[in-house]
Structure formats: structure tokens, C-alpha cells
């Protein structure tokens, strides 16, 4: 996976969680990684469409829209 389990727990704790079940952590981990991959894929497609090899900040911002 792309984002570590410890990073997932930190995000949930920073959001205010006091305790986190293993199932909740795993579900969030899976969904967040899937979302991150989808955004990255869109950004790469935008880069290729622009006939560039380097993913630019604008590609990332557009991919999030």
C-alpha cells in the first residue's frame, strides 16, 4: 500500500479519535489508498494528455476536481 498504517492512525488521531478499532483503521487505510491511487492516475493522464513526462502541480490540482 501507499500510505502506512501508522500514518492512517495519526490522521484519525489528529481528527480527534480517542481510540481506533483495527477494522476502522483497515477500512480507512484501504479507502484512502484507493482514493490516492485514483487521483494519481488522473494526474498522470492529464500529464500525458499535455504531452509532458513530468507531473506538474496543476495536474494534481486538476485531478482533485
Protein backbone atom coordinates (compact mmCIF):
# COMPACT_ATOMS: atom_id res chain seq x y z
CA UNK A 1 0.00 0.00 0.00
CA UNK A 2 0.97 3.60 -0.48
CA UNK A 3 0.18 5.17 2.89
CA UNK A 4 1.48 3.47 6.01
CA UNK A 5 -0.81 2.12 8.72
CA UNK A 6 0.86 4.39 11.28
CA UNK A 7 0.11 7.43 9.11
CA UNK A 8 -3.53 6.34 8.94
CA UNK A 9 -3.72 6.14 12.73
CA UNK A 10 -2.08 9.55 13.05
CA UNK A 11 -4.63 11.11 10.68
CA UNK A 12 -7.50 9.62 12.68
CA UNK A 13 -5.96 10.74 15.99
CA UNK A 14 -5.37 14.26 14.63
CA UNK A 15 -9.03 14.31 13.56
CA UNK A 16 -9.98 13.72 17.19
CA UNK A 17 -10.29 9.94 17.56
CA UNK A 18 -9.53 8.72 21.05
CA UNK A 19 -9.49 5.04 20.17
CA UNK A 20 -9.47 3.32 16.77
CA UNK A 21 -10.58 -0.24 16.10
CA UNK A 22 -8.43 -2.39 13.85
CA UNK A 23 -11.38 -2.75 11.45
CA UNK A 24 -11.88 1.02 11.22
CA UNK A 25 -8.18 1.61 10.68
CA UNK A 26 -8.04 -1.06 7.97
CA UNK A 27 -11.14 0.27 6.20
CA UNK A 28 -9.82 3.84 6.25
CA UNK A 29 -6.42 2.62 5.06
CA UNK A 30 -7.95 0.75 2.13
CA UNK A 31 -10.23 3.61 1.06
CA UNK A 32 -7.57 6.31 1.40
CA UNK A 33 -5.07 4.30 -0.63
CA UNK A 34 -7.68 3.67 -3.32
CA UNK A 35 -8.53 7.38 -3.45
CA UNK A 36 -4.84 8.37 -3.60
CA UNK A 37 -4.23 5.96 -6.48
CA UNK A 38 -7.25 7.29 -8.42
CA UNK A 39 -6.07 10.88 -8.06
CA UNK A 40 -2.53 9.93 -9.07
CA UNK A 41 -3.85 8.07 -12.13
CA UNK A 42 -5.91 11.09 -13.19
CA UNK A 43 -2.90 13.36 -12.75
CA UNK A 44 -0.75 11.09 -14.92
CA UNK A 45 -3.44 11.03 -17.64
CA UNK A 46 -3.55 14.83 -17.58
CA UNK A 47 0.24 14.93 -17.87
CA UNK A 48 0.24 12.57 -20.84
CA UNK A 49 -2.59 14.50 -22.50
CA UNK A 50 -0.45 17.63 -22.24
CA UNK A 51 2.39 15.67 -23.91
CA UNK A 52 4.64 16.02 -20.88
CA UNK A 53 6.53 13.45 -18.85
CA UNK A 54 6.68 15.41 -15.60
CA UNK A 55 3.59 15.56 -13.42
CA UNK A 56 3.02 19.21 -12.52
CA UNK A 57 1.27 20.80 -9.58
CA UNK A 58 -1.53 21.85 -11.92
CA UNK A 59 -2.09 18.20 -12.90
CA UNK A 60 -2.54 17.26 -9.25
CA UNK A 61 -4.93 20.15 -8.61
CA UNK A 62 -6.99 19.30 -11.68
CA UNK A 63 -7.08 15.63 -10.69
CA UNK A 64 -8.70 16.58 -7.39
CA UNK A 65 -11.53 18.46 -9.10
